[in-house]
Amino acid sequence: MAEFKGIPIATTGIRSGEKYQTPQGFTAIRDGIKVQGEAVPSPVGLKPTWLRAKLPAGERFDEVRATVREHRLATVCEEAKCPNIGECWNHGTATIMLMGAVCTRACRFCSVDTGNPRGWLDAEEPENTARTVELMDLKYVVLTSVNRDDLPDGGARHFADTVRAIKRLRPGTAVEALTPDFQGVMADVEVVVDSGLEVFAQNVETVRRLTHPVRDPRAGYERTLAVLAHAKQHRATVLTKTSLMLGLGETDAEVLEAMQDCRAAGVDILTLGQYLRPTVNHLEVRRYVSPAEFAAYREQGLALGFREVVAGPLVRSSYRADRVLEQNNCGLPAGNA
């Protein structure tokens, strides 16, 4: 039987794209996207060798998993089926996903379950998260969340409370918040930016032309840029960060345009990674971007003035986030070969 935050969930017979009842009593869709006709595999063939990741295992991996379970925390590492979970958890790092594991949006690239939590929140989560960070002895932690359009402030205060709880217990721990867009309400963005964090992130995800259908209709390319620009204008000392997935059908010119738009919004840090189809109900992979191409994109981004561009096939927005200012592609070989 599967678990969510240590609570058993009856998942027997529930397939990707089907509805189920959560322990909190609302309905959600497994992996976020409903089954739509007869899905077919992506036409680009087998994954290339550079996309092979080690299976998650090891003593440190088991310790992190146990700590996460004990404190009823969700992690994007698990919910988004990240290929780097073994490396990161064995390194003693994890990206903690706040406000549950059910998102009010249904982006067609994302495997997080979708539904309407109807205002449900775990009031103990900020303190539990802080204790987990303390137990794991983290010097850097990434907080992210599902979209919570059902909450009046989109969860901004919950985010801020979690950051402050971490800072009370671990004042030396750097905090990165990868947030929703808060429906473009800049006052809610300011609540998070003013919480004491070091890095504020909101992902543009893809190029302008592909924003829809890649992202949920409630998300927007211009809105994300506006949120990032406002965060930087509101508190210039906070680093801003965003991420692009490649392999969805974008052109080189469109990638360059997106990078230019992000720099114009004052974004400091950009990550570039390969889109991988989480289930057959999600968008197809249109191409596998080679390590050499990622290296070229990184050089273009650096030339535009980003403080760092982390680029590679297995790079995700919070991958090796604690090393992002080393200015060496987070220690990856050229193009993450």
Protein backbone atom coordinates (compact mmCIF):
# COMPACT_ATOMS: atom_id res chain seq x y z
CA MET A 1 0.00 0.00 0.00
CA ALA A 2 1.33 3.43 -0.92
CA GLU A 3 1.58 6.30 1.54
CA PHE A 4 1.21 10.07 1.51
CA LYS A 5 3.04 11.73 4.42
CA GLY A 6 2.93 8.43 6.29
CA ILE A 7 -0.84 7.99 5.73
CA PRO A 8 -1.79 4.77 3.90
CA ILE A 9 -3.52 5.33 0.56
CA ALA A 10 -5.41 2.52 -1.12
CA THR A 11 -3.91 2.58 -4.60
CA THR A 12 -4.56 -1.00 -5.67
CA GLY A 13 -6.07 -0.92 -9.12
CA ILE A 14 -5.69 2.86 -9.54
CA ARG A 15 -3.89 3.52 -12.78
CA SER A 16 -2.25 6.66 -14.08
CA GLY A 17 -4.94 9.09 -15.19
CA GLU A 18 -7.68 7.63 -12.98
CA LYS A 19 -9.50 9.31 -10.09
CA TYR A 20 -9.04 8.30 -6.46
CA GLN A 21 -10.03 9.55 -3.01
CA THR A 22 -7.31 11.18 -0.87
CA PRO A 23 -6.98 10.63 2.89
CA GLN A 24 -8.23 14.22 3.33
CA GLY A 25 -11.50 13.36 1.57
CA PHE A 26 -11.22 15.04 -1.81
CA THR A 27 -10.89 13.56 -5.29
CA ALA A 28 -7.63 13.63 -7.25
CA ILE A 29 -6.29 12.27 -10.53
CA ARG A 30 -3.29 9.96 -10.39
CA ASP A 31 -0.27 11.53 -12.12
CA GLY A 32 -2.24 14.67 -12.95
CA ILE A 33 -3.51 13.98 -16.47
CA LYS A 34 -6.65 12.02 -17.36
CA VAL A 35 -6.46 9.17 -19.84
CA GLN A 36 -7.26 10.67 -23.23
CA GLY A 37 -7.95 7.99 -25.80
CA GLU A 38 -5.27 5.50 -26.69
CA ALA A 39 -1.88 6.94 -25.74
CA VAL A 40 1.17 5.98 -27.77
CA PRO A 41 4.86 6.00 -26.90
CA SER A 42 6.99 8.97 -27.94
CA PRO A 43 8.23 8.55 -31.53
CA VAL A 44 11.84 9.51 -30.87
CA GLY A 45 12.99 6.01 -29.93
CA LEU A 46 14.92 4.70 -26.95
CA LYS A 47 16.50 7.08 -24.47
CA PRO A 48 20.13 7.82 -25.27
CA THR A 49 22.88 6.65 -22.93
CA TRP A 50 23.40 10.10 -21.42
CA LEU A 51 19.91 9.95 -19.86
CA ARG A 52 20.63 6.90 -17.74
CA ALA A 53 20.49 7.58 -14.00
CA LYS A 54 21.49 5.24 -11.20
CA LEU A 55 18.73 3.41 -9.38
CA PRO A 56 17.89 5.04 -6.02
CA ALA A 57 19.57 3.02 -3.28
CA GLY A 58 22.07 3.35 -0.46
CA GLU A 59 22.22 3.90 3.29
CA ARG A 60 21.94 7.71 3.07
CA PHE A 61 19.02 7.39 0.66
CA ASP A 62 17.19 5.21 3.19
CA GLU A 63 17.92 7.68 6.00
CA VAL A 64 16.52 10.63 4.06
CA ARG A 65 13.44 8.66 3.06
CA ALA A 66 12.83 7.64 6.68
CA THR A 67 13.17 11.26 7.87
CA VAL A 68 10.77 12.50 5.22
CA ARG A 69 8.21 9.82 6.16
CA GLU A 70 8.55 10.45 9.90
CA HIS A 71 7.68 14.12 9.51
CA ARG A 72 4.85 13.56 7.00
CA LEU A 73 6.56 15.54 4.26
CA ALA A 74 6.06 15.29 0.52
CA THR A 75 9.04 15.71 -1.79
CA VAL A 76 9.05 16.76 -5.42
CA CYS A 77 11.81 14.17 -5.82
CA GLU A 78 9.18 11.43 -5.48
CA GLU A 79 6.01 13.12 -6.71
CA ALA A 80 7.58 14.38 -9.96
CA LYS A 81 9.50 11.13 -10.54
CA CYS A 82 12.84 12.95 -10.67
CA PRO A 83 15.64 10.84 -12.20
CA ASN A 84 18.17 12.34 -9.76
CA ILE A 85 16.49 11.17 -6.55
CA GLY A 86 19.21 8.61 -5.80
CA GLU A 87 22.09 11.06 -6.22
CA CYS A 88 20.43 13.85 -4.26
CA TRP A 89 19.16 11.76 -1.36
CA ASN A 90 22.47 9.97 -1.00
CA HIS A 91 24.07 13.44 -0.90
CA GLY A 92 21.70 14.28 1.98
CA THR A 93 19.62 16.82 0.08
CA ALA A 94 15.95 16.85 -0.83
CA THR A 95 13.47 19.27 -2.33
CA ILE A 96 10.53 19.45 0.06
CA MET A 97 7.10 19.96 -1.46
CA LEU A 98 4.77 21.99 0.73
CA MET A 99 0.96 22.05 0.95
CA GLY A 100 0.36 18.45 -0.02
CA ALA A 101 0.86 16.34 -3.11
CA VAL A 102 -2.27 17.34 -5.03
CA CYS A 103 -2.08 20.33 -7.38
CA THR A 104 -5.03 22.46 -8.47
CA ARG A 105 -3.52 22.72 -11.96
CA ALA A 106 -2.86 20.06 -14.58
CA CYS A 107 0.22 20.95 -16.61
CA ARG A 108 0.74 18.39 -19.36
CA PHE A 109 4.41 17.80 -18.54
CA CYS A 110 3.97 17.15 -14.81
CA SER A 111 3.14 13.91 -13.00
CA VAL A 112 1.99 15.45 -9.72
CA ASP A 113 -1.59 14.41 -8.93
CA THR A 114 -4.26 17.04 -9.61
CA GLY A 115 -7.50 17.91 -7.81
CA ASN A 116 -9.10 20.50 -5.52
CA PRO A 117 -7.90 20.24 -1.90
CA ARG A 118 -10.67 22.69 -0.88
CA GLY A 119 -8.50 24.68 1.49
CA TRP A 120 -6.87 21.74 3.29
CA LEU A 121 -3.48 22.52 4.85
CA ASP A 122 -1.27 20.74 7.36
CA ALA A 123 -0.82 23.39 10.06
CA GLU A 124 2.15 21.51 11.51
CA GLU A 125 4.04 21.40 8.22
CA PRO A 126 6.20 24.54 8.69
CA GLU A 127 7.58 23.28 12.02
CA ASN A 128 7.90 19.69 10.78
CA THR A 129 9.83 20.92 7.76
CA ALA A 130 12.16 22.96 9.95
CA ARG A 131 12.83 19.98 12.21
CA THR A 132 13.57 17.81 9.19
CA VAL A 133 16.07 20.37 7.89
CA GLU A 134 17.67 20.43 11.33
CA LEU A 135 17.85 16.62 11.56
CA MET A 136 19.35 16.39 8.07
CA ASP A 137 21.88 19.08 9.00
CA LEU A 138 21.26 20.89 5.72
CA LYS A 139 23.22 23.95 4.73
CA TYR A 140 20.88 24.54 1.77
CA VAL A 141 17.26 23.54 1.33
CA VAL A 142 14.84 23.93 -1.57
CA LEU A 143 11.15 24.38 -0.77
CA THR A 144 8.63 23.97 -3.54
CA SER A 145 4.92 23.29 -3.67
CA VAL A 146 1.95 22.32 -5.72
CA ASN A 147 -0.24 25.15 -7.03
CA ARG A 148 -2.96 25.93 -4.49
CA ASP A 149 -5.43 28.12 -6.34
CA ASP A 150 -8.03 27.06 -3.77
CA LEU A 151 -6.30 29.18 -1.09
CA PRO A 152 -6.95 32.94 -0.92
CA ASP A 153 -3.22 33.75 -1.06
CA GLY A 154 -2.14 30.70 -3.05
CA GLY A 155 -0.24 29.47 0.01
CA ALA A 156 2.13 32.45 0.24
CA ARG A 157 1.85 32.78 4.01
CA HIS A 158 2.37 29.04 4.47
CA PHE A 159 5.55 29.30 2.40
CA ALA A 160 6.74 32.29 4.45
CA ASP A 161 5.93 30.55 7.75
CA THR A 162 8.02 27.56 6.67
CA VAL A 163 10.99 29.72 5.71
CA ARG A 164 10.84 31.55 9.04
CA ALA A 165 10.55 28.27 10.97
CA ILE A 166 13.69 26.98 9.25
CA LYS A 167 15.57 30.20 9.96
CA ARG A 168 14.63 30.02 13.65
CA LEU A 169 16.08 26.53 14.02
CA ARG A 170 18.85 26.82 11.43
CA PRO A 171 19.74 30.50 10.87
CA GLY A 172 22.76 29.49 8.80
CA THR A 173 20.78 27.36 6.36
CA ALA A 174 20.20 28.99 2.97
CA VAL A 175 16.63 28.63 1.69
CA GLU A 176 15.45 28.56 -1.91
CA ALA A 177 11.72 28.79 -2.59
CA LEU A 178 10.44 27.47 -5.92
CA THR A 179 6.92 28.84 -5.79
CA PRO A 180 3.65 28.90 -7.72
CA ASP A 181 2.79 32.12 -9.56
CA PHE A 182 0.21 33.12 -6.91
CA GLN A 183 -2.10 34.02 -9.81
CA GLY A 184 0.05 37.08 -10.41
CA VAL A 185 -0.89 38.76 -7.11
CA MET A 186 2.31 40.63 -6.36
CA ALA A 187 1.43 41.27 -2.70
CA ASP A 188 1.53 37.49 -2.19
CA VAL A 189 4.88 37.29 -4.00
CA GLU A 190 6.22 39.92 -1.59
CA VAL A 191 5.12 37.88 1.43
CA VAL A 192 7.43 35.06 0.32
CA VAL A 193 10.28 37.30 -0.82
CA ASP A 194 10.25 39.07 2.57
CA SER A 195 10.38 35.81 4.58
CA GLY A 196 14.18 35.70 4.86
CA LEU A 197 15.01 33.38 1.95
CA GLU A 198 18.07 33.65 -0.26
CA VAL A 199 16.68 32.48 -3.63
CA PHE A 200 13.21 33.03 -5.12
CA ALA A 201 12.32 30.82 -8.10
CA GLN A 202 9.33 30.48 -10.42
CA ASN A 203 9.66 28.34 -13.52
CA VAL A 204 8.81 29.61 -16.97
CA GLU A 205 9.03 25.92 -18.01
CA THR A 206 9.06 26.33 -21.81
CA VAL A 207 9.31 28.87 -24.62
CA ARG A 208 6.57 31.42 -25.27
CA ARG A 209 4.96 29.56 -28.22
CA LEU A 210 4.67 26.26 -26.34
CA THR A 211 3.43 27.64 -23.02
CA HIS A 212 0.00 26.33 -23.94
CA PRO A 213 -0.50 23.39 -24.20
CA VAL A 214 2.59 22.58 -22.06
CA ARG A 215 1.37 24.50 -19.01
CA ASP A 216 -2.08 24.66 -17.46
CA PRO A 217 -4.28 27.41 -19.00
CA ARG A 218 -4.12 29.31 -15.68
CA ALA A 219 -0.33 29.61 -15.97
CA GLY A 220 1.34 32.05 -18.32
CA TYR A 221 4.71 32.93 -19.83
CA GLU A 222 4.29 36.66 -19.26
CA ARG A 223 2.88 36.13 -15.77
CA THR A 224 5.91 34.11 -14.69
CA LEU A 225 8.25 36.77 -16.07
CA ALA A 226 6.27 39.46 -14.25
CA VAL A 227 6.46 37.53 -10.96
CA LEU A 228 10.22 37.10 -11.30
CA ALA A 229 10.73 40.74 -12.24
CA HIS A 230 8.65 41.94 -9.30
CA ALA A 231 10.51 39.71 -6.85
CA LYS A 232 13.82 41.20 -7.99
CA GLN A 233 12.53 44.76 -7.93
CA HIS A 234 11.00 44.30 -4.49
CA ARG A 235 14.17 42.93 -2.88
CA ALA A 236 17.25 43.24 -5.06
CA THR A 237 19.46 41.18 -2.71
CA VAL A 238 17.36 38.04 -3.28
CA LEU A 239 18.59 35.91 -6.15
CA THR A 240 15.95 35.00 -8.74
CA LYS A 241 15.89 31.76 -10.67
CA THR A 242 13.89 29.99 -13.37
CA SER A 243 14.01 26.83 -15.47
CA LEU A 244 13.35 25.67 -19.03
CA MET A 245 12.62 22.12 -20.20
CA LEU A 246 13.92 21.28 -23.66
CA GLY A 247 12.78 18.60 -26.11
CA LEU A 248 9.16 19.72 -26.45
CA GLY A 249 9.49 21.05 -29.98
CA GLU A 250 11.15 24.40 -29.36
CA THR A 251 13.65 25.90 -31.81
CA ASP A 252 17.09 27.28 -31.01
CA ALA A 253 15.81 30.78 -31.76
CA GLU A 254 12.94 30.32 -29.30
CA VAL A 255 15.29 29.11 -26.57
CA LEU A 256 17.47 32.18 -27.10
CA GLU A 257 14.39 34.44 -26.99
CA ALA A 258 13.28 32.84 -23.71
CA MET A 259 16.72 33.34 -22.19
CA GLN A 260 16.70 36.99 -23.29
CA ASP A 261 13.23 37.48 -21.79
CA CYS A 262 14.37 35.98 -18.49
CA ARG A 263 17.42 38.24 -18.35
CA ALA A 264 15.24 41.26 -19.13
CA ALA A 265 13.15 40.27 -16.08
CA GLY A 266 16.29 40.35 -13.94
CA VAL A 267 16.63 36.59 -13.50
CA ASP A 268 20.02 35.66 -12.02
CA ILE A 269 20.09 31.87 -12.42
CA LEU A 270 18.76 29.66 -15.22
CA THR A 271 18.59 25.87 -15.40
CA LEU A 272 18.10 23.89 -18.61
CA GLY A 273 17.19 20.21 -18.71
CA GLN A 274 15.69 17.52 -20.91
CA TYR A 275 11.93 16.98 -20.75
CA LEU A 276 11.13 13.34 -20.02
CA ARG A 277 7.60 12.04 -20.48
CA PRO A 278 6.42 10.80 -17.07
CA THR A 279 3.49 8.70 -18.40
CA VAL A 280 1.94 7.95 -21.78
CA ASN A 281 -0.86 10.40 -20.93
CA HIS A 282 1.60 13.32 -20.91
CA LEU A 283 3.14 15.28 -23.77
CA GLU A 284 5.45 13.39 -26.10
CA VAL A 285 9.18 13.99 -26.21
CA ARG A 286 9.91 15.62 -29.57
CA ARG A 287 13.70 15.29 -29.42
CA TYR A 288 16.54 14.36 -27.13
CA VAL A 289 18.90 17.31 -26.73
CA SER A 290 22.55 16.23 -26.78
CA PRO A 291 25.09 17.15 -24.08
CA ALA A 292 26.95 19.26 -26.67
CA GLU A 293 23.77 21.24 -27.39
CA PHE A 294 23.24 21.84 -23.69
CA ALA A 295 26.81 23.09 -23.41
CA ALA A 296 26.18 25.53 -26.27
CA TYR A 297 22.97 26.80 -24.66
CA ARG A 298 24.87 27.34 -21.41
CA GLU A 299 27.50 29.47 -23.15
CA GLN A 300 24.75 31.53 -24.80
CA GLY A 301 23.11 32.11 -21.44
CA LEU A 302 26.33 33.13 -19.74
CA ALA A 303 27.01 35.57 -22.57
CA LEU A 304 23.61 37.16 -21.85
CA GLY A 305 24.70 37.89 -18.29
CA PHE A 306 23.17 35.19 -16.08
CA ARG A 307 25.21 34.61 -12.92
CA GLU A 308 24.97 30.90 -13.71
CA VAL A 309 23.33 28.64 -16.27
CA VAL A 310 23.15 25.01 -15.16
CA ALA A 311 22.57 22.90 -18.27
CA GLY A 312 22.46 19.17 -18.97
CA PRO A 313 20.08 16.35 -19.87
CA LEU A 314 19.35 15.34 -16.27
CA VAL A 315 19.36 18.86 -14.82
CA ARG A 316 16.18 19.85 -12.99
CA SER A 317 15.32 23.22 -11.45
CA SER A 318 16.57 22.30 -7.98
CA TYR A 319 19.34 19.88 -9.02
CA ARG A 320 22.54 20.56 -7.05
CA ALA A 321 20.98 23.88 -6.06
CA ASP A 322 23.45 24.30 -3.21
CA ARG A 323 26.30 24.45 -5.74
CA VAL A 324 24.76 26.84 -8.23
CA LEU A 325 27.04 29.79 -7.41
CA GLU A 326 30.24 27.81 -7.91
CA GLN A 327 29.94 28.96 -11.55
CA ASN A 328 31.13 25.61 -12.92
CA ASN A 329 27.82 24.10 -14.11
CA CYS A 330 27.37 22.70 -10.57
CA GLY A 331 30.36 20.42 -11.09
CA LEU A 332 28.83 18.65 -14.09
CA PRO A 333 31.04 17.75 -17.05
CA ALA A 334 30.52 19.85 -20.16
CA GLY A 335 26.90 19.39 -21.16
CA ASN A 336 26.37 16.77 -18.41
CA ALA A 337 27.83 14.09 -20.71
